[in-house]
Amino acid sequence: MIAGIHDLGLFIVAGLLLNVTPGPDTLYIVGRSATQGLRAGVVAALGIGAGCCVHIVAAAVGLSALILASAQAFLVLKFAGAAYLLYVGATLLLTRVNVAAETPRLVPAPMRTVFWQGCLTCALNPKVALFFLALLPQFIATDAPDKPLAFLVLGVIFNVNGTFWNLFMAWSSSRIAGGIARNARVAAWLNRAIGAFFVAIGVRLALFERG
């Protein structure tokens, strides 16, 4: 048992099953990889991993529990997350094609923007905080000598596995959709379709209520 952790193998399997379940993070990585190539997909995956680190630390120090216990704090986080998803969706919907060039090409988002959009998409999602507080304590002994350390260890394991999966998604999406990235108009419409999904997810998050 590591730092009061039990059933580590079961936790890894449960985490992997959740990692492969499609969500806004996966959608964001696929969109960036398909329209801007592997590099953008990798940067998006690393941004999402960084955003997940925020939830890991917050859960370990008890900040997530405090936010979720406060109706006002939860509403602030929920609406901030929803607003950011709507913003990302709007930026994708407004994707432009440089038609002045000899060969029309998609106007790519800077890598810094790709990273921070991925990071904030994850960090501002209250459902991720709920997930960590619901799942992780089930694998930590009640008499664990250092529960914050156990939260950190499990969170890091989950995030590392999730990042490897996200990098695989970035690679496979860029390979499968290699032709899309070379066709600026098709890539622009794919970005707009993903932007519409982000808007829908943002609206759904704004209407989300804790059970």
N, C-alpha and C. Protein backbone atom coordinates (compact mmCIF):
# COMPACT_ATOMS: atom_id res chain seq x y z
N MET A 1 0.85 -1.20 0.00
CA MET A 1 0.00 0.00 0.00
C MET A 1 0.89 1.24 0.00
N ILE A 2 0.67 2.15 -0.94
CA ILE A 2 1.48 3.35 -1.09
C ILE A 2 0.74 4.55 -0.49
N ALA A 3 1.30 5.11 0.59
CA ALA A 3 0.72 6.31 1.19
C ALA A 3 -0.76 6.16 1.51
N GLY A 4 -1.14 4.95 1.99
CA GLY A 4 -2.53 4.72 2.35
C GLY A 4 -3.43 4.38 1.18
N ILE A 5 -2.85 4.09 0.02
CA ILE A 5 -3.63 3.77 -1.17
C ILE A 5 -3.86 2.26 -1.23
N HIS A 6 -5.07 1.86 -1.61
CA HIS A 6 -5.36 0.43 -1.78
C HIS A 6 -6.00 0.21 -3.15
N ASP A 7 -5.97 -1.04 -3.61
CA ASP A 7 -6.56 -1.42 -4.91
C ASP A 7 -6.05 -0.52 -6.04
N LEU A 8 -4.73 -0.33 -6.09
CA LEU A 8 -4.15 0.57 -7.09
C LEU A 8 -4.43 0.09 -8.51
N GLY A 9 -4.34 -1.22 -8.74
CA GLY A 9 -4.61 -1.76 -10.07
C GLY A 9 -6.01 -1.45 -10.53
N LEU A 10 -6.98 -1.60 -9.63
CA LEU A 10 -8.37 -1.30 -9.97
C LEU A 10 -8.53 0.19 -10.28
N PHE A 11 -7.84 1.03 -9.53
CA PHE A 11 -7.90 2.47 -9.78
C PHE A 11 -7.36 2.80 -11.17
N ILE A 12 -6.25 2.17 -11.55
CA ILE A 12 -5.66 2.44 -12.86
C ILE A 12 -6.61 2.04 -13.97
N VAL A 13 -7.26 0.87 -13.80
CA VAL A 13 -8.21 0.41 -14.82
C VAL A 13 -9.40 1.37 -14.90
N ALA A 14 -9.93 1.77 -13.74
CA ALA A 14 -11.07 2.70 -13.72
C ALA A 14 -10.68 4.03 -14.35
N GLY A 15 -9.47 4.51 -14.05
CA GLY A 15 -9.01 5.76 -14.62
C GLY A 15 -8.86 5.69 -16.13
N LEU A 16 -8.32 4.56 -16.62
CA LEU A 16 -8.15 4.40 -18.06
C LEU A 16 -9.49 4.37 -18.77
N LEU A 17 -10.47 3.71 -18.17
CA LEU A 17 -11.80 3.66 -18.77
C LEU A 17 -12.40 5.07 -18.87
N LEU A 18 -12.16 5.88 -17.86
CA LEU A 18 -12.66 7.25 -17.88
C LEU A 18 -11.88 8.10 -18.87
N ASN A 19 -10.58 7.84 -18.98
CA ASN A 19 -9.75 8.60 -19.91
C ASN A 19 -10.20 8.42 -21.36
N VAL A 20 -10.60 7.20 -21.70
CA VAL A 20 -10.95 6.93 -23.09
C VAL A 20 -12.39 7.34 -23.42
N THR A 21 -13.15 7.77 -22.39
CA THR A 21 -14.51 8.23 -22.64
C THR A 21 -14.46 9.63 -23.26
N PRO A 22 -15.05 9.82 -24.44
CA PRO A 22 -14.97 11.12 -25.11
C PRO A 22 -15.61 12.24 -24.29
N GLY A 23 -14.99 13.40 -24.33
CA GLY A 23 -15.50 14.58 -23.64
C GLY A 23 -14.94 15.83 -24.30
N PRO A 24 -15.11 17.00 -23.68
CA PRO A 24 -14.61 18.23 -24.29
C PRO A 24 -13.10 18.22 -24.52
N ASP A 25 -12.35 17.57 -23.60
CA ASP A 25 -10.89 17.51 -23.76
C ASP A 25 -10.52 16.74 -25.03
N THR A 26 -11.12 15.57 -25.20
CA THR A 26 -10.85 14.76 -26.38
C THR A 26 -11.25 15.51 -27.65
N LEU A 27 -12.41 16.13 -27.60
CA LEU A 27 -12.90 16.89 -28.76
C LEU A 27 -11.93 18.00 -29.14
N TYR A 28 -11.39 18.68 -28.13
CA TYR A 28 -10.46 19.78 -28.38
C TYR A 28 -9.18 19.26 -29.03
N ILE A 29 -8.65 18.16 -28.51
CA ILE A 29 -7.41 17.59 -29.05
C ILE A 29 -7.62 17.12 -30.48
N VAL A 30 -8.71 16.42 -30.73
CA VAL A 30 -8.99 15.92 -32.08
C VAL A 30 -9.11 17.08 -33.06
N GLY A 31 -9.81 18.14 -32.64
CA GLY A 31 -9.99 19.29 -33.53
C GLY A 31 -8.67 19.97 -33.86
N ARG A 32 -7.85 20.20 -32.86
CA ARG A 32 -6.56 20.85 -33.11
C ARG A 32 -5.64 19.97 -33.94
N SER A 33 -5.63 18.67 -33.67
CA SER A 33 -4.76 17.75 -34.42
C SER A 33 -5.20 17.65 -35.87
N ALA A 34 -6.51 17.56 -36.08
CA ALA A 34 -7.02 17.36 -37.43
C ALA A 34 -6.83 18.59 -38.31
N THR A 35 -6.89 19.78 -37.71
CA THR A 35 -6.84 21.00 -38.52
C THR A 35 -5.48 21.69 -38.52
N GLN A 36 -4.68 21.48 -37.47
CA GLN A 36 -3.38 22.15 -37.39
C GLN A 36 -2.20 21.18 -37.29
N GLY A 37 -2.48 19.89 -37.28
CA GLY A 37 -1.40 18.92 -37.29
C GLY A 37 -1.01 18.39 -35.92
N LEU A 38 -0.05 17.48 -35.92
CA LEU A 38 0.36 16.78 -34.70
C LEU A 38 0.88 17.72 -33.63
N ARG A 39 1.68 18.70 -34.01
CA ARG A 39 2.25 19.60 -33.01
C ARG A 39 1.16 20.29 -32.20
N ALA A 40 0.12 20.79 -32.87
CA ALA A 40 -0.97 21.46 -32.16
C ALA A 40 -1.71 20.47 -31.26
N GLY A 41 -1.88 19.23 -31.72
CA GLY A 41 -2.54 18.22 -30.90
C GLY A 41 -1.75 17.90 -29.64
N VAL A 42 -0.43 17.80 -29.79
CA VAL A 42 0.43 17.52 -28.63
C VAL A 42 0.37 18.68 -27.64
N VAL A 43 0.44 19.91 -28.15
CA VAL A 43 0.37 21.08 -27.28
C VAL A 43 -0.98 21.13 -26.56
N ALA A 44 -2.06 20.80 -27.27
CA ALA A 44 -3.39 20.77 -26.66
C ALA A 44 -3.45 19.72 -25.55
N ALA A 45 -2.87 18.54 -25.80
CA ALA A 45 -2.85 17.47 -24.80
C ALA A 45 -2.07 17.88 -23.56
N LEU A 46 -0.94 18.54 -23.76
CA LEU A 46 -0.14 19.00 -22.62
C LEU A 46 -0.87 20.10 -21.85
N GLY A 47 -1.59 20.95 -22.55
CA GLY A 47 -2.38 21.98 -21.88
C GLY A 47 -3.47 21.37 -21.00
N ILE A 48 -4.12 20.35 -21.51
CA ILE A 48 -5.17 19.68 -20.74
C ILE A 48 -4.55 18.98 -19.53
N GLY A 49 -3.38 18.39 -19.70
CA GLY A 49 -2.68 17.78 -18.56
C GLY A 49 -2.36 18.82 -17.50
N ALA A 50 -1.95 20.01 -17.92
CA ALA A 50 -1.67 21.08 -16.97
C ALA A 50 -2.94 21.51 -16.23
N GLY A 51 -4.04 21.58 -16.95
CA GLY A 51 -5.31 21.92 -16.32
C GLY A 51 -5.74 20.88 -15.31
N CYS A 52 -5.47 19.61 -15.62
CA CYS A 52 -5.80 18.53 -14.69
C CYS A 52 -4.98 18.65 -13.41
N CYS A 53 -3.73 19.13 -13.53
CA CYS A 53 -2.88 19.31 -12.35
C CYS A 53 -3.51 20.29 -11.37
N VAL A 54 -4.21 21.29 -11.89
CA VAL A 54 -4.90 22.26 -11.02
C VAL A 54 -5.92 21.54 -10.14
N HIS A 55 -6.69 20.62 -10.74
CA HIS A 55 -7.70 19.88 -9.98
C HIS A 55 -7.04 18.93 -8.98
N ILE A 56 -5.91 18.34 -9.36
CA ILE A 56 -5.22 17.41 -8.46
C ILE A 56 -4.77 18.14 -7.20
N VAL A 57 -4.11 19.27 -7.37
CA VAL A 57 -3.61 20.03 -6.22
C VAL A 57 -4.78 20.55 -5.39
N ALA A 58 -5.83 21.04 -6.06
CA ALA A 58 -6.99 21.57 -5.34
C ALA A 58 -7.66 20.49 -4.51
N ALA A 59 -7.75 19.28 -5.07
CA ALA A 59 -8.36 18.17 -4.32
C ALA A 59 -7.48 17.78 -3.14
N ALA A 60 -6.17 17.78 -3.33
CA ALA A 60 -5.24 17.36 -2.28
C ALA A 60 -5.27 18.31 -1.09
N VAL A 61 -5.38 19.60 -1.35
CA VAL A 61 -5.35 20.57 -0.25
C VAL A 61 -6.75 20.88 0.28
N GLY A 62 -7.77 20.26 -0.32
CA GLY A 62 -9.13 20.44 0.17
C GLY A 62 -9.87 21.60 -0.44
N LEU A 63 -9.25 22.30 -1.39
CA LEU A 63 -9.90 23.46 -1.99
C LEU A 63 -11.12 23.05 -2.80
N SER A 64 -11.02 21.94 -3.54
CA SER A 64 -12.17 21.48 -4.33
C SER A 64 -13.37 21.19 -3.45
N ALA A 65 -13.11 20.55 -2.29
CA ALA A 65 -14.21 20.22 -1.38
C ALA A 65 -14.89 21.49 -0.87
N LEU A 66 -14.08 22.51 -0.57
CA LEU A 66 -14.65 23.76 -0.09
C LEU A 66 -15.50 24.43 -1.17
N ILE A 67 -14.99 24.43 -2.41
CA ILE A 67 -15.73 25.06 -3.52
C ILE A 67 -17.05 24.34 -3.76
N LEU A 68 -16.99 23.00 -3.78
CA LEU A 68 -18.19 22.23 -4.07
C LEU A 68 -19.19 22.25 -2.92
N ALA A 69 -18.69 22.52 -1.70
CA ALA A 69 -19.58 22.61 -0.55
C ALA A 69 -20.29 23.96 -0.49
N SER A 70 -19.73 24.96 -1.15
CA SER A 70 -20.32 26.30 -1.16
C SER A 70 -21.13 26.49 -2.43
N ALA A 71 -22.41 26.74 -2.27
CA ALA A 71 -23.28 26.93 -3.44
C ALA A 71 -22.81 28.11 -4.29
N GLN A 72 -22.40 29.20 -3.63
CA GLN A 72 -21.97 30.38 -4.39
C GLN A 72 -20.68 30.11 -5.15
N ALA A 73 -19.71 29.47 -4.47
CA ALA A 73 -18.42 29.19 -5.12
C ALA A 73 -18.61 28.21 -6.28
N PHE A 74 -19.48 27.24 -6.09
CA PHE A 74 -19.74 26.28 -7.16
C PHE A 74 -20.35 26.97 -8.38
N LEU A 75 -21.29 27.87 -8.12
CA LEU A 75 -21.92 28.60 -9.23
C LEU A 75 -20.89 29.45 -9.99
N VAL A 76 -19.99 30.09 -9.24
CA VAL A 76 -18.96 30.91 -9.89
C VAL A 76 -18.10 30.04 -10.79
N LEU A 77 -17.64 28.88 -10.26
CA LEU A 77 -16.80 27.99 -11.06
C LEU A 77 -17.57 27.44 -12.26
N LYS A 78 -18.84 27.06 -12.02
CA LYS A 78 -19.64 26.50 -13.11
C LYS A 78 -19.84 27.51 -14.23
N PHE A 79 -20.21 28.72 -13.88
CA PHE A 79 -20.46 29.72 -14.92
C PHE A 79 -19.17 30.20 -15.57
N ALA A 80 -18.08 30.21 -14.81
CA ALA A 80 -16.78 30.57 -15.41
C ALA A 80 -16.39 29.51 -16.44
N GLY A 81 -16.57 28.23 -16.08
CA GLY A 81 -16.27 27.15 -17.00
C GLY A 81 -17.16 27.18 -18.23
N ALA A 82 -18.45 27.42 -18.01
CA ALA A 82 -19.39 27.48 -19.13
C ALA A 82 -19.06 28.65 -20.06
N ALA A 83 -18.74 29.80 -19.45
CA ALA A 83 -18.41 30.98 -20.26
C ALA A 83 -17.15 30.72 -21.08
N TYR A 84 -16.19 30.04 -20.49
CA TYR A 84 -14.95 29.80 -21.24
C TYR A 84 -15.18 28.82 -22.38
N LEU A 85 -16.00 27.79 -22.15
CA LEU A 85 -16.32 26.86 -23.23
C LEU A 85 -17.05 27.58 -24.36
N LEU A 86 -17.94 28.48 -24.00
CA LEU A 86 -18.64 29.27 -25.03
C LEU A 86 -17.65 30.15 -25.80
N TYR A 87 -16.67 30.70 -25.08
CA TYR A 87 -15.65 31.53 -25.73
C TYR A 87 -14.82 30.71 -26.71
N VAL A 88 -14.36 29.53 -26.26
CA VAL A 88 -13.57 28.67 -27.15
C VAL A 88 -14.41 28.26 -28.35
N GLY A 89 -15.66 27.91 -28.10
CA GLY A 89 -16.55 27.54 -29.20
C GLY A 89 -16.71 28.67 -30.19
N ALA A 90 -16.85 29.90 -29.68
CA ALA A 90 -17.01 31.06 -30.56
C ALA A 90 -15.76 31.29 -31.40
N THR A 91 -14.57 31.14 -30.78
CA THR A 91 -13.34 31.35 -31.55
C THR A 91 -13.20 30.31 -32.66
N LEU A 92 -13.65 29.07 -32.40
CA LEU A 92 -13.59 28.03 -33.43
C LEU A 92 -14.63 28.29 -34.51
N LEU A 93 -15.79 28.77 -34.10
CA LEU A 93 -16.83 29.09 -35.08
C LEU A 93 -16.39 30.21 -36.01
N LEU A 94 -15.54 31.08 -35.52
CA LEU A 94 -15.08 32.23 -36.31
C LEU A 94 -13.77 31.95 -37.03
N THR A 95 -13.42 30.67 -37.17
CA THR A 95 -12.21 30.29 -37.90
C THR A 95 -12.18 30.95 -39.28
N ARG A 96 -11.02 31.53 -39.63
CA ARG A 96 -10.90 32.22 -40.91
C ARG A 96 -9.95 31.47 -41.85
N VAL A 97 -10.17 31.65 -43.12
CA VAL A 97 -9.30 31.11 -44.16
C VAL A 97 -8.65 32.27 -44.87
N ASN A 98 -7.34 32.21 -45.02
CA ASN A 98 -6.59 33.26 -45.71
C ASN A 98 -6.74 33.07 -47.22
N VAL A 99 -7.74 33.71 -47.78
CA VAL A 99 -8.01 33.54 -49.22
C VAL A 99 -7.11 34.43 -50.07
N ALA A 100 -6.39 35.36 -49.42
CA ALA A 100 -5.50 36.24 -50.18
C ALA A 100 -4.23 35.52 -50.62
N ALA A 101 -3.91 34.43 -49.93
CA ALA A 101 -2.71 33.68 -50.29
C ALA A 101 -2.91 32.97 -51.62
N GLU A 102 -1.79 32.62 -52.27
CA GLU A 102 -1.87 31.92 -53.55
C GLU A 102 -2.63 30.62 -53.41
N THR A 103 -2.37 29.92 -52.28
CA THR A 103 -3.13 28.72 -51.94
C THR A 103 -3.89 29.01 -50.66
N PRO A 104 -5.24 29.01 -50.67
CA PRO A 104 -6.00 29.30 -49.45
C PRO A 104 -5.55 28.41 -48.31
N ARG A 105 -5.34 29.01 -47.14
CA ARG A 105 -4.90 28.23 -45.98
C ARG A 105 -5.59 28.71 -44.72
N LEU A 106 -5.75 27.76 -43.80
CA LEU A 106 -6.37 28.07 -42.52
C LEU A 106 -5.46 28.99 -41.72
N VAL A 107 -6.05 29.99 -41.07
CA VAL A 107 -5.26 30.85 -40.19
C VAL A 107 -5.11 30.11 -38.86
N PRO A 108 -3.91 29.57 -38.56
CA PRO A 108 -3.77 28.72 -37.38
C PRO A 108 -3.75 29.52 -36.09
N ALA A 109 -4.19 28.88 -35.02
CA ALA A 109 -4.09 29.49 -33.70
C ALA A 109 -2.66 29.35 -33.20
N PRO A 110 -2.10 30.37 -32.55
CA PRO A 110 -0.74 30.25 -32.00
C PRO A 110 -0.67 29.11 -30.99
N MET A 111 0.51 28.48 -30.88
CA MET A 111 0.66 27.35 -29.96
C MET A 111 0.38 27.75 -28.52
N ARG A 112 0.72 28.99 -28.16
CA ARG A 112 0.43 29.45 -26.79
C ARG A 112 -1.08 29.44 -26.55
N THR A 113 -1.85 29.89 -27.54
CA THR A 113 -3.31 29.89 -27.42
C THR A 113 -3.84 28.47 -27.32
N VAL A 114 -3.31 27.57 -28.14
CA VAL A 114 -3.74 26.17 -28.12
C VAL A 114 -3.50 25.58 -26.73
N PHE A 115 -2.34 25.86 -26.15
CA PHE A 115 -2.00 25.32 -24.82
C PHE A 115 -2.96 25.84 -23.75
N TRP A 116 -3.11 27.17 -23.70
CA TRP A 116 -3.91 27.75 -22.63
C TRP A 116 -5.40 27.47 -22.78
N GLN A 117 -5.86 27.34 -24.02
CA GLN A 117 -7.26 26.94 -24.20
C GLN A 117 -7.49 25.54 -23.66
N GLY A 118 -6.56 24.63 -23.94
CA GLY A 118 -6.67 23.28 -23.40
C GLY A 118 -6.61 23.27 -21.89
N CYS A 119 -5.67 24.04 -21.33
CA CYS A 119 -5.50 24.10 -19.88
C CYS A 119 -6.76 24.61 -19.19
N LEU A 120 -7.29 25.74 -19.66
CA LEU A 120 -8.46 26.34 -19.01
C LEU A 120 -9.74 25.56 -19.27
N THR A 121 -9.82 24.88 -20.42
CA THR A 121 -10.99 24.04 -20.69
C THR A 121 -11.12 22.97 -19.62
N CYS A 122 -9.99 22.42 -19.18
CA CYS A 122 -10.01 21.39 -18.13
C CYS A 122 -10.11 22.02 -16.75
N ALA A 123 -9.28 23.04 -16.48
CA ALA A 123 -9.19 23.61 -15.13
C ALA A 123 -10.50 24.25 -14.67
N LEU A 124 -11.28 24.81 -15.60
CA LEU A 124 -12.52 25.50 -15.23
C LEU A 124 -13.75 24.60 -15.29
N ASN A 125 -13.53 23.30 -15.46
CA ASN A 125 -14.67 22.37 -15.55
C ASN A 125 -14.97 21.79 -14.17
N PRO A 126 -16.08 22.19 -13.53
CA PRO A 126 -16.38 21.68 -12.19
C PRO A 126 -16.67 20.19 -12.17
N LYS A 127 -17.03 19.62 -13.32
CA LYS A 127 -17.29 18.18 -13.36
C LYS A 127 -16.01 17.38 -13.09
N VAL A 128 -14.86 17.95 -13.48
CA VAL A 128 -13.59 17.28 -13.20
C VAL A 128 -13.32 17.29 -11.70
N ALA A 129 -13.61 18.41 -11.04
CA ALA A 129 -13.45 18.49 -9.59
C ALA A 129 -14.36 17.48 -8.90
N LEU A 130 -15.61 17.38 -9.36
CA LEU A 130 -16.53 16.40 -8.79
C LEU A 130 -16.02 14.97 -8.98
N PHE A 131 -15.44 14.71 -10.16
CA PHE A 131 -14.90 13.38 -10.45
C PHE A 131 -13.80 13.02 -9.46
N PHE A 132 -12.86 13.93 -9.24
CA PHE A 132 -11.74 13.63 -8.34
C PHE A 132 -12.23 13.39 -6.92
N LEU A 133 -13.18 14.19 -6.46
CA LEU A 133 -13.66 14.04 -5.09
C LEU A 133 -14.55 12.80 -4.93
N ALA A 134 -15.14 12.33 -6.01
CA ALA A 134 -15.99 11.13 -5.94
C ALA A 134 -15.17 9.85 -6.06
N LEU A 135 -14.17 9.85 -6.95
CA LEU A 135 -13.43 8.61 -7.24
C LEU A 135 -12.25 8.38 -6.32
N LEU A 136 -11.39 9.38 -6.15
CA LEU A 136 -10.13 9.16 -5.45
C LEU A 136 -10.28 8.67 -4.01
N PRO A 137 -11.23 9.24 -3.20
CA PRO A 137 -11.34 8.77 -1.81
C PRO A 137 -11.67 7.28 -1.69
N GLN A 138 -12.27 6.68 -2.73
CA GLN A 138 -12.60 5.26 -2.67
C GLN A 138 -11.36 4.37 -2.64
N PHE A 139 -10.21 4.93 -3.04
CA PHE A 139 -8.97 4.16 -3.09
C PHE A 139 -7.96 4.64 -2.06
N ILE A 140 -8.44 5.39 -1.07
CA ILE A 140 -7.58 5.88 0.01
C ILE A 140 -8.12 5.36 1.33
N ALA A 141 -7.27 4.70 2.11
CA ALA A 141 -7.69 4.13 3.39
C ALA A 141 -8.14 5.23 4.35
N THR A 142 -9.15 4.94 5.15
CA THR A 142 -9.66 5.94 6.09
C THR A 142 -8.61 6.34 7.13
N ASP A 143 -7.68 5.40 7.40
CA ASP A 143 -6.63 5.69 8.38
C ASP A 143 -5.30 6.02 7.70
N ALA A 144 -5.35 6.47 6.47
CA ALA A 144 -4.13 6.81 5.74
C ALA A 144 -3.36 7.88 6.51
N PRO A 145 -2.04 7.71 6.67
CA PRO A 145 -1.25 8.67 7.45
C PRO A 145 -1.14 10.04 6.80
N ASP A 146 -1.27 10.11 5.49
CA ASP A 146 -1.13 11.38 4.79
C ASP A 146 -2.07 11.39 3.59
N LYS A 147 -3.33 11.77 3.85
CA LYS A 147 -4.32 11.74 2.78
C LYS A 147 -4.03 12.71 1.64
N PRO A 148 -3.55 13.94 1.90
CA PRO A 148 -3.20 14.81 0.78
C PRO A 148 -2.17 14.19 -0.16
N LEU A 149 -1.17 13.50 0.41
CA LEU A 149 -0.16 12.84 -0.42
C LEU A 149 -0.80 11.73 -1.25
N ALA A 150 -1.74 10.99 -0.65
CA ALA A 150 -2.43 9.93 -1.39
C ALA A 150 -3.23 10.52 -2.55
N PHE A 151 -3.90 11.65 -2.30
CA PHE A 151 -4.63 12.34 -3.38
C PHE A 151 -3.67 12.71 -4.51
N LEU A 152 -2.51 13.25 -4.15
CA LEU A 152 -1.54 13.67 -5.16
C LEU A 152 -1.03 12.49 -5.98
N VAL A 153 -0.71 11.38 -5.29
CA VAL A 153 -0.18 10.20 -5.98
C VAL A 153 -1.22 9.65 -6.97
N LEU A 154 -2.46 9.48 -6.51
CA LEU A 154 -3.50 8.96 -7.40
C LEU A 154 -3.79 9.94 -8.54
N GLY A 155 -3.81 11.22 -8.22
CA GLY A 155 -4.07 12.22 -9.26
C GLY A 155 -2.99 12.23 -10.32
N VAL A 156 -1.73 12.11 -9.91
CA VAL A 156 -0.62 12.10 -10.86
C VAL A 156 -0.70 10.85 -11.74
N ILE A 157 -1.01 9.70 -11.14
CA ILE A 157 -1.14 8.47 -11.92
C ILE A 157 -2.23 8.63 -12.97
N PHE A 158 -3.38 9.15 -12.54
CA PHE A 158 -4.49 9.35 -13.47
C PHE A 158 -4.10 10.31 -14.58
N ASN A 159 -3.42 11.40 -14.23
CA ASN A 159 -3.08 12.42 -15.22
C ASN A 159 -2.02 11.92 -16.20
N VAL A 160 -1.03 11.19 -15.71
CA VAL A 160 0.00 10.65 -16.60
C VAL A 160 -0.62 9.69 -17.61
N ASN A 161 -1.46 8.77 -17.12
CA ASN A 161 -2.14 7.84 -18.03
C ASN A 161 -3.03 8.59 -19.02
N GLY A 162 -3.74 9.59 -18.52
CA GLY A 162 -4.61 10.37 -19.39
C GLY A 162 -3.83 11.14 -20.44
N THR A 163 -2.66 11.66 -20.06
CA THR A 163 -1.85 12.41 -21.02
C THR A 163 -1.32 11.49 -22.12
N PHE A 164 -0.89 10.28 -21.74
CA PHE A 164 -0.45 9.33 -22.76
C PHE A 164 -1.58 9.02 -23.74
N TRP A 165 -2.79 8.85 -23.21
CA TRP A 165 -3.94 8.59 -24.08
C TRP A 165 -4.21 9.79 -24.98
N ASN A 166 -4.15 10.99 -24.41
CA ASN A 166 -4.40 12.19 -25.19
C ASN A 166 -3.35 12.39 -26.29
N LEU A 167 -2.10 12.05 -25.98
CA LEU A 167 -1.05 12.14 -27.00
C LEU A 167 -1.30 11.13 -28.13
N PHE A 168 -1.80 9.95 -27.75
CA PHE A 168 -2.16 8.97 -28.77
C PHE A 168 -3.30 9.49 -29.64
N MET A 169 -4.28 10.14 -29.00
CA MET A 169 -5.40 10.71 -29.75
C MET A 169 -4.90 11.80 -30.70
N ALA A 170 -3.94 12.59 -30.24
CA ALA A 170 -3.38 13.65 -31.09
C ALA A 170 -2.68 13.03 -32.30
N TRP A 171 -1.89 12.01 -32.05
CA TRP A 171 -1.15 11.36 -33.15
C TRP A 171 -2.11 10.70 -34.14
N SER A 172 -3.06 9.92 -33.62
CA SER A 172 -3.98 9.20 -34.52
C SER A 172 -4.88 10.16 -35.28
N SER A 173 -5.32 11.23 -34.63
CA SER A 173 -6.18 12.20 -35.32
C SER A 173 -5.43 12.91 -36.43
N SER A 174 -4.17 13.26 -36.16
CA SER A 174 -3.39 13.94 -37.19
C SER A 174 -3.10 13.03 -38.37
N ARG A 175 -2.91 11.73 -38.09
CA ARG A 175 -2.65 10.78 -39.17
C ARG A 175 -3.91 10.54 -40.00
N ILE A 176 -5.02 10.31 -39.32
CA ILE A 176 -6.27 10.00 -40.02
C ILE A 176 -6.76 11.19 -40.83
N ALA A 177 -6.61 12.38 -40.24
CA ALA A 177 -7.14 13.58 -40.89
C ALA A 177 -6.06 14.40 -41.57
N GLY A 178 -4.97 13.76 -41.96
CA GLY A 178 -3.87 14.48 -42.60
C GLY A 178 -4.31 15.29 -43.79
N GLY A 179 -5.22 14.76 -44.59
CA GLY A 179 -5.69 15.47 -45.78
C GLY A 179 -6.53 16.68 -45.43
N ILE A 180 -7.21 16.64 -44.29
CA ILE A 180 -8.06 17.76 -43.90
C ILE A 180 -7.24 19.01 -43.66
N ALA A 181 -6.10 18.83 -42.97
CA ALA A 181 -5.26 19.98 -42.64
C ALA A 181 -4.76 20.68 -43.89
N ARG A 182 -4.62 19.92 -44.99
CA ARG A 182 -4.13 20.53 -46.24
C ARG A 182 -5.24 21.21 -47.03
N ASN A 183 -6.49 20.92 -46.68
CA ASN A 183 -7.63 21.56 -47.36
C ASN A 183 -8.20 22.61 -46.41
N ALA A 184 -7.84 23.86 -46.64
CA ALA A 184 -8.16 24.93 -45.69
C ALA A 184 -9.67 25.06 -45.46
N ARG A 185 -10.44 24.95 -46.51
CA ARG A 185 -11.89 25.16 -46.36
C ARG A 185 -12.52 24.02 -45.55
N VAL A 186 -12.11 22.79 -45.81
CA VAL A 186 -12.63 21.66 -45.04
C VAL A 186 -12.20 21.77 -43.58
N ALA A 187 -10.92 22.14 -43.35
CA ALA A 187 -10.43 22.31 -41.99
C ALA A 187 -11.21 23.39 -41.25
N ALA A 188 -11.52 24.48 -41.95
CA ALA A 188 -12.27 25.56 -41.32
C ALA A 188 -13.67 25.09 -40.91
N TRP A 189 -14.31 24.32 -41.77
CA TRP A 189 -15.65 23.83 -41.43
C TRP A 189 -15.60 22.80 -40.30
N LEU A 190 -14.53 22.01 -40.22
CA LEU A 190 -14.38 21.08 -39.10
C LEU A 190 -14.23 21.86 -37.80
N ASN A 191 -13.40 22.92 -37.83
CA ASN A 191 -13.25 23.76 -36.65
C ASN A 191 -14.59 24.36 -36.22
N ARG A 192 -15.37 24.79 -37.20
CA ARG A 192 -16.67 25.39 -36.87
C ARG A 192 -17.63 24.36 -36.29
N ALA A 193 -17.58 23.15 -36.80
CA ALA A 193 -18.43 22.09 -36.25
C ALA A 193 -18.05 21.79 -34.80
N ILE A 194 -16.74 21.72 -34.54
CA ILE A 194 -16.28 21.48 -33.17
C ILE A 194 -16.64 22.67 -32.29
N GLY A 195 -16.54 23.88 -32.85
CA GLY A 195 -16.95 25.07 -32.09
C GLY A 195 -18.41 25.00 -31.68
N ALA A 196 -19.27 24.51 -32.57
CA ALA A 196 -20.69 24.37 -32.26
C ALA A 196 -20.89 23.37 -31.12
N PHE A 197 -20.11 22.29 -31.13
CA PHE A 197 -20.19 21.32 -30.03
C PHE A 197 -19.76 21.96 -28.71
N PHE A 198 -18.70 22.78 -28.75
CA PHE A 198 -18.24 23.45 -27.53
C PHE A 198 -19.31 24.40 -27.00
N VAL A 199 -19.99 25.10 -27.89
CA VAL A 199 -21.07 25.98 -27.46
C VAL A 199 -22.16 25.15 -26.78
N ALA A 200 -22.51 24.01 -27.37
CA ALA A 200 -23.54 23.15 -26.78
C ALA A 200 -23.10 22.63 -25.41
N ILE A 201 -21.81 22.24 -25.30
CA ILE A 201 -21.30 21.74 -24.02
C ILE A 201 -21.30 22.86 -22.98
N GLY A 202 -20.95 24.09 -23.42
CA GLY A 202 -20.97 25.23 -22.50
C GLY A 202 -22.37 25.51 -21.97
N VAL A 203 -23.35 25.45 -22.84
CA VAL A 203 -24.74 25.66 -22.41
C VAL A 203 -25.17 24.55 -21.45
N ARG A 204 -24.78 23.32 -21.78
CA ARG A 204 -25.13 22.19 -20.91
C ARG A 204 -24.48 22.33 -19.53
N LEU A 205 -23.23 22.80 -19.50
CA LEU A 205 -22.55 22.99 -18.22
C LEU A 205 -23.22 24.09 -17.41
N ALA A 206 -23.65 25.16 -18.08
CA ALA A 206 -24.33 26.24 -17.38
C ALA A 206 -25.62 25.77 -16.72
N LEU A 207 -26.25 24.76 -17.32
CA LEU A 207 -27.51 24.23 -16.78
C LEU A 207 -27.28 23.06 -15.83
N PHE A 208 -26.00 22.65 -15.65
CA PHE A 208 -25.68 21.49 -14.83
C PHE A 208 -25.98 21.76 -13.36
N GLU A 209 -26.59 20.79 -12.71
CA GLU A 209 -26.88 20.87 -11.27
C GLU A 209 -26.28 19.67 -10.57
N ARG A 210 -25.72 19.90 -9.40
CA ARG A 210 -25.17 18.78 -8.63
C ARG A 210 -26.30 17.87 -8.16
N GLY A 211 -26.01 16.56 -8.19
CA GLY A 211 -27.02 15.62 -7.74
C GLY A 211 -27.20 15.61 -6.24
